[in-house]
Amino acid sequence: MAGSYNTLKFLYIYLGSKARGFYRGFYGGFYGGQQMKKYVCKLCGWVYDPALGDPDNNVPAGTPFEKIPDDWVCPVCGAEKEEFEAEN
């Protein structure tokens, strides 16, 4: 039984990574003809990538950080949007 669970977990992670690659290629990280910046949480280091979005929190792929609702929080540590800074 544990082997089946591990196989399903592997497929979920593997296929998820393939889907993220598809979105990155499809959207290309651009919005309105401009490259979208990634933003890093200053508290935990999680990176918001606009090409991927945050689908678990209803932020679709291709959403620039500026368009995320103000009540959105970091999916890892719960930090508010103000705790993020643009990645260099």
Protein backbone atom coordinates (compact mmCIF):
# COMPACT_ATOMS: atom_id res chain seq x y z
CA MET A 1 0.00 0.00 0.00
CA ALA A 2 2.83 2.41 0.83
CA GLY A 3 4.39 1.77 -2.57
CA SER A 4 1.21 2.86 -4.32
CA TYR A 5 1.08 6.04 -2.25
CA ASN A 6 4.71 6.87 -3.07
CA THR A 7 4.08 6.24 -6.77
CA LEU A 8 1.05 8.54 -6.76
CA LYS A 9 2.99 11.18 -4.84
CA PHE A 10 5.84 10.99 -7.36
CA LEU A 11 3.42 11.31 -10.30
CA TYR A 12 1.68 14.27 -8.66
CA ILE A 13 4.98 16.08 -8.13
CA TYR A 14 6.38 15.12 -11.55
CA LEU A 15 3.27 16.07 -13.51
CA GLY A 16 2.89 19.24 -11.46
CA SER A 17 6.40 20.30 -12.44
CA LYS A 18 5.59 19.61 -16.09
CA ALA A 19 2.46 21.76 -15.83
CA ARG A 20 4.44 24.59 -14.24
CA GLY A 21 6.92 24.37 -17.11
CA PHE A 22 4.06 24.56 -19.58
CA TYR A 23 2.65 27.68 -17.94
CA ARG A 24 6.09 29.29 -17.83
CA GLY A 25 6.54 28.60 -21.54
CA PHE A 26 3.00 29.62 -22.44
CA TYR A 27 2.97 32.91 -20.54
CA GLY A 28 6.69 33.48 -20.83
CA GLY A 29 6.70 35.69 -17.75
CA PHE A 30 5.39 38.68 -19.72
CA TYR A 31 2.42 40.91 -19.01
CA GLY A 32 1.40 43.77 -21.27
CA GLY A 33 4.59 43.37 -23.29
CA GLN A 34 6.82 43.76 -20.23
CA GLN A 35 8.76 41.14 -18.30
CA MET A 36 7.04 40.35 -15.00
CA LYS A 37 9.23 40.46 -11.90
CA LYS A 38 9.41 37.72 -9.32
CA TYR A 39 8.85 38.74 -5.71
CA VAL A 40 10.50 37.21 -2.63
CA CYS A 41 8.98 36.94 0.84
CA LYS A 42 11.34 38.73 3.24
CA LEU A 43 10.31 36.44 6.09
CA CYS A 44 10.65 32.94 4.63
CA GLY A 45 12.24 33.35 1.17
CA TRP A 46 9.33 31.93 -0.84
CA VAL A 47 9.33 33.29 -4.40
CA TYR A 48 6.17 34.39 -6.18
CA ASP A 49 6.65 33.67 -9.89
CA PRO A 50 3.98 35.39 -12.02
CA ALA A 51 4.39 32.77 -14.73
CA LEU A 52 3.18 30.16 -12.21
CA GLY A 53 0.85 32.26 -10.08
CA ASP A 54 -0.50 30.74 -6.86
CA PRO A 55 -3.32 28.45 -8.01
CA ASP A 56 -3.83 27.04 -4.51
CA ASN A 57 -4.92 30.54 -3.43
CA ASN A 58 -6.91 31.50 -6.55
CA VAL A 59 -4.13 33.48 -8.24
CA PRO A 60 -3.91 32.14 -11.81
CA ALA A 61 -0.71 31.78 -13.79
CA GLY A 62 0.18 34.98 -15.62
CA THR A 63 -0.92 37.28 -12.79
CA PRO A 64 1.63 40.03 -12.09
CA PHE A 65 2.35 40.67 -8.41
CA GLU A 66 0.76 44.10 -8.62
CA LYS A 67 -2.58 42.53 -9.62
CA ILE A 68 -2.74 40.11 -6.67
CA PRO A 69 -5.48 41.11 -4.17
CA ASP A 70 -4.22 43.10 -1.17
CA ASP A 71 -5.52 40.45 1.27
CA TRP A 72 -3.38 37.70 -0.32
CA VAL A 73 -0.74 36.19 1.99
CA CYS A 74 2.40 34.11 1.52
CA PRO A 75 1.34 30.47 1.12
CA VAL A 76 4.28 29.29 3.24
CA CYS A 77 4.46 31.63 6.25
CA GLY A 78 1.31 33.76 5.99
CA ALA A 79 3.19 37.05 5.56
CA GLU A 80 1.19 39.92 4.08
CA LYS A 81 1.80 41.20 0.57
CA GLU A 82 3.78 44.17 1.96
CA GLU A 83 6.45 41.74 3.20
CA PHE A 84 7.50 40.92 -0.38
CA GLU A 85 10.23 42.63 -2.37
CA ALA A 86 11.15 42.44 -6.06
CA GLU A 87 13.83 39.91 -6.91
CA ASN A 88 16.97 41.40 -8.47
